[in-house]
Amino acid sequence: MPRMYDPDVAALFARLTDGQIFYQASDTALKNVAQSTAICDQVNDLAKMYYDFHVKHPRPFAGTQPEQLQAALLEDFGDEISAFIAFGLHCNAHLIGLMEAEFVPRQTQEMSVSQSLRVRDFVKSSIVAYSGVVQSVNGPHWNVQQKKVLLEAAAEHAVAHARLMPPFLRQFLLNSIAGADADLDPSLAAALLIIRRPLAMTECVGLCELF
């Protein structure tokens, strides 16, 4: 499997985690929801390759309990997986923009049942994915550098993702990371502060209203 200790691979992953490179692409596919989703899914499939490889080639004596398997997976491939997850947030933030442009100007009654379900499924999956990334700050198996990659990507798109959430879900996510400051590495503090700010919003507009 390609590993980030290889300089060429590290350079590739650095591009993956740079959201600005993604947004500066002029490819017309990025202006289309379906094609943009396909691009995001391709990268997600690459991330799954690391998981599948780890399952098929488990570390000897790593244990068989879920916690033990998770710890071994992230110790072996956490750098690569965190980079893919960071790209996923860049990609999803782009999709949020496309979905807002397509659906927010419409009235709910103007949308078909399939369109309404599509929006709700997208919003729900986006909230779940973003919350998981934010809560990685509490994760015992991510190392500090991996958490930094994840939280900086979450901070970059904090407003876009927080706007999807009804206020009670924002509060739930805030509460779930309330104790993170106790043992927080100083290098994570700025990103966590940025993440928390939009979670304090109380309005529900745009895609949030369609959820």
Protein backbone atom coordinates (compact mmCIF):
# COMPACT_ATOMS: atom_id res chain seq x y z
CA MET A 1 0.00 0.00 0.00
CA PRO A 2 1.27 3.54 -0.74
CA ARG A 3 2.61 5.03 2.49
CA MET A 4 3.29 8.61 3.44
CA TYR A 5 6.83 7.89 4.53
CA ASP A 6 7.55 7.73 0.78
CA PRO A 7 8.26 11.38 -0.25
CA ASP A 8 6.35 11.04 -3.54
CA VAL A 9 3.32 9.62 -1.78
CA ALA A 10 3.54 12.30 0.91
CA ALA A 11 3.49 14.99 -1.79
CA LEU A 12 0.35 13.44 -3.30
CA PHE A 13 -1.40 13.31 0.05
CA ALA A 14 -0.42 16.92 0.74
CA ARG A 15 -2.38 17.89 -2.36
CA LEU A 16 -5.34 15.81 -1.19
CA THR A 17 -5.55 17.66 2.10
CA ASP A 18 -5.28 21.09 0.47
CA GLY A 19 -8.85 22.20 -0.10
CA GLN A 20 -7.79 25.26 -2.09
CA ILE A 21 -6.28 23.08 -4.81
CA PHE A 22 -9.58 21.22 -5.09
CA TYR A 23 -11.67 24.37 -5.37
CA GLN A 24 -9.36 25.99 -7.89
CA ALA A 25 -9.84 23.13 -10.34
CA SER A 26 -11.55 24.32 -13.52
CA ASP A 27 -12.97 20.92 -14.43
CA THR A 28 -16.61 21.32 -15.39
CA ALA A 29 -17.37 18.07 -13.52
CA LEU A 30 -17.04 20.03 -10.31
CA LYS A 31 -20.05 22.14 -11.31
CA ASN A 32 -22.29 19.07 -11.43
CA VAL A 33 -23.62 17.38 -8.29
CA ALA A 34 -23.62 13.85 -9.67
CA GLN A 35 -20.13 14.06 -11.16
CA SER A 36 -18.72 15.81 -8.10
CA THR A 37 -20.24 13.09 -5.92
CA ALA A 38 -18.57 10.47 -8.09
CA ILE A 39 -15.20 12.16 -7.56
CA CYS A 40 -15.75 12.19 -3.79
CA ASP A 41 -16.79 8.54 -3.84
CA GLN A 42 -13.66 7.54 -5.76
CA VAL A 43 -11.46 9.02 -3.06
CA ASN A 44 -13.58 7.41 -0.34
CA ASP A 45 -13.06 4.08 -2.08
CA LEU A 46 -9.30 4.62 -1.92
CA ALA A 47 -9.56 5.15 1.83
CA LYS A 48 -11.51 1.91 2.15
CA MET A 49 -8.66 0.09 0.42
CA TYR A 50 -6.46 0.75 3.45
CA TYR A 51 -9.12 -0.60 5.77
CA ASP A 52 -9.68 -3.69 3.61
CA PHE A 53 -5.95 -4.32 3.38
CA HIS A 54 -5.65 -4.11 7.17
CA VAL A 55 -8.55 -6.55 7.61
CA LYS A 56 -7.00 -9.04 5.22
CA HIS A 57 -3.50 -8.61 6.64
CA PRO A 58 -3.99 -8.05 10.37
CA ARG A 59 -1.02 -7.27 12.55
CA PRO A 60 0.08 -10.35 14.52
CA PHE A 61 -0.90 -10.28 18.19
CA ALA A 62 -2.85 -7.01 17.74
CA GLY A 63 -5.95 -8.52 19.33
CA THR A 64 -9.41 -9.17 17.97
CA GLN A 65 -11.57 -6.74 19.93
CA PRO A 66 -12.94 -3.72 18.00
CA GLU A 67 -10.90 -1.26 20.09
CA GLN A 68 -7.74 -3.25 19.49
CA LEU A 69 -8.39 -3.49 15.76
CA GLN A 70 -9.09 0.25 15.54
CA ALA A 71 -5.89 1.07 17.40
CA ALA A 72 -3.83 -1.16 15.11
CA LEU A 73 -5.47 0.24 11.97
CA LEU A 74 -4.73 3.84 12.90
CA GLU A 75 -1.23 3.05 14.07
CA ASP A 76 -0.49 1.45 10.71
CA PHE A 77 -2.48 3.69 8.34
CA GLY A 78 -3.75 6.62 10.40
CA ASP A 79 -1.71 9.19 8.46
CA GLU A 80 -3.16 8.08 5.16
CA ILE A 81 -6.72 7.63 6.43
CA SER A 82 -6.79 11.04 8.11
CA ALA A 83 -5.65 12.62 4.84
CA PHE A 84 -8.47 10.91 2.93
CA ILE A 85 -11.02 12.00 5.54
CA ALA A 86 -9.76 15.59 5.28
CA PHE A 87 -10.24 15.46 1.52
CA GLY A 88 -13.73 14.09 2.12
CA LEU A 89 -14.62 17.25 4.07
CA HIS A 90 -13.27 19.49 1.31
CA CYS A 91 -15.30 17.49 -1.19
CA ASN A 92 -18.45 17.52 0.91
CA ALA A 93 -18.25 21.27 1.49
CA HIS A 94 -18.16 21.67 -2.29
CA LEU A 95 -21.24 19.46 -2.58
CA ILE A 96 -23.03 21.55 0.07
CA GLY A 97 -22.51 24.61 -2.10
CA LEU A 98 -23.90 22.84 -5.16
CA MET A 99 -26.89 21.49 -3.24
CA GLU A 100 -27.66 24.91 -1.77
CA ALA A 101 -27.58 26.48 -5.22
CA GLU A 102 -29.89 23.81 -6.60
CA PHE A 103 -32.46 23.42 -3.82
CA VAL A 104 -32.48 26.38 -1.43
CA PRO A 105 -34.09 28.84 -3.90
CA ARG A 106 -37.03 26.44 -4.28
CA GLN A 107 -39.93 26.15 -1.93
CA THR A 108 -40.27 22.76 -0.26
CA GLN A 109 -43.66 22.22 -1.91
CA GLU A 110 -42.03 22.64 -5.32
CA MET A 111 -39.74 19.67 -4.74
CA SER A 112 -40.66 16.10 -5.64
CA VAL A 113 -40.66 13.39 -3.00
CA SER A 114 -37.45 11.91 -4.44
CA GLN A 115 -35.75 15.31 -4.37
CA SER A 116 -36.79 15.91 -0.77
CA LEU A 117 -35.48 12.50 0.25
CA ARG A 118 -32.25 13.13 -1.63
CA VAL A 119 -31.67 16.42 0.21
CA ARG A 120 -32.50 14.94 3.60
CA ASP A 121 -30.22 11.94 3.02
CA PHE A 122 -27.39 14.22 1.98
CA VAL A 123 -27.82 16.52 4.96
CA LYS A 124 -28.09 13.62 7.40
CA SER A 125 -24.98 11.83 6.06
CA SER A 126 -23.04 15.12 6.01
CA ILE A 127 -23.93 15.85 9.65
CA VAL A 128 -22.94 12.33 10.74
CA ALA A 129 -19.62 12.47 8.87
CA TYR A 130 -18.71 15.96 10.08
CA SER A 131 -19.62 15.15 13.67
CA GLY A 132 -17.41 12.08 13.55
CA VAL A 133 -14.46 14.14 12.37
CA VAL A 134 -14.97 16.79 15.04
CA GLN A 135 -15.27 14.13 17.74
CA SER A 136 -11.93 12.67 16.68
CA VAL A 137 -10.49 15.21 19.12
CA ASN A 138 -11.69 12.80 21.82
CA GLY A 139 -10.42 9.72 19.99
CA PRO A 140 -7.82 7.73 21.90
CA HIS A 141 -6.21 6.15 18.86
CA TRP A 142 -5.54 9.14 16.58
CA ASN A 143 -2.16 10.74 17.21
CA VAL A 144 -1.75 14.50 17.51
CA GLN A 145 -0.67 15.06 13.91
CA GLN A 146 -3.58 13.01 12.58
CA LYS A 147 -6.02 14.94 14.78
CA LYS A 148 -4.48 18.17 13.48
CA VAL A 149 -5.16 17.16 9.87
CA LEU A 150 -8.75 16.22 10.71
CA LEU A 151 -9.58 19.24 12.84
CA GLU A 152 -8.01 21.77 10.48
CA ALA A 153 -10.16 20.41 7.64
CA ALA A 154 -13.22 20.54 9.89
CA ALA A 155 -12.39 24.10 10.91
CA GLU A 156 -12.01 25.16 7.27
CA HIS A 157 -15.58 24.04 6.56
CA ALA A 158 -17.09 24.58 10.01
CA VAL A 159 -19.66 27.16 8.93
CA ALA A 160 -20.90 25.18 5.93
CA HIS A 161 -21.44 22.04 7.99
CA ALA A 162 -22.84 23.78 11.08
CA ARG A 163 -25.45 25.51 8.90
CA LEU A 164 -26.82 22.10 7.93
CA MET A 165 -27.62 21.21 11.54
CA PRO A 166 -30.76 22.05 13.47
CA PRO A 167 -29.77 23.97 16.61
CA PHE A 168 -30.30 21.00 18.93
CA LEU A 169 -27.77 18.94 16.93
CA ARG A 170 -25.25 21.79 17.08
CA GLN A 171 -25.66 21.84 20.84
CA PHE A 172 -25.31 18.06 21.02
CA LEU A 173 -22.04 18.22 19.09
CA LEU A 174 -20.79 21.07 21.28
CA ASN A 175 -21.58 19.08 24.39
CA SER A 176 -19.80 16.01 23.04
CA ILE A 177 -16.50 17.91 22.81
CA ALA A 178 -16.96 19.95 25.97
CA GLY A 179 -14.28 18.03 27.82
CA ALA A 180 -11.73 18.10 25.02
CA ASP A 181 -9.78 21.01 26.51
CA ALA A 182 -8.60 19.03 29.52
CA ASP A 183 -5.76 17.23 27.73
CA LEU A 184 -5.77 19.22 24.49
CA ASP A 185 -2.49 19.55 22.64
CA PRO A 186 -1.82 23.28 22.04
CA SER A 187 -1.48 22.69 18.29
CA LEU A 188 -5.19 21.73 18.13
CA ALA A 189 -6.60 24.68 20.08
CA ALA A 190 -7.04 27.14 17.21
CA ALA A 191 -8.91 24.67 14.99
CA LEU A 192 -11.18 23.60 17.84
CA LEU A 193 -12.04 27.22 18.60
CA ILE A 194 -13.04 27.82 14.97
CA ILE A 195 -15.16 24.65 14.96
CA ARG A 196 -17.03 25.67 18.11
CA ARG A 197 -18.02 29.18 17.00
CA PRO A 198 -20.62 28.36 14.32
CA LEU A 199 -22.04 25.56 16.49
CA ALA A 200 -23.33 28.33 18.75
CA MET A 201 -25.61 29.65 15.97
CA THR A 202 -29.34 29.40 16.70
CA GLU A 203 -30.90 30.03 13.28
CA CYS A 204 -31.90 27.29 10.87
CA VAL A 205 -31.90 28.43 7.24
CA GLY A 206 -31.05 26.99 3.84
CA LEU A 207 -30.59 23.21 3.70
CA CYS A 208 -31.18 23.06 7.46
CA GLU A 209 -34.83 24.00 6.82
CA LEU A 210 -35.14 21.14 4.34
CA PHE A 211 -33.74 18.56 6.78
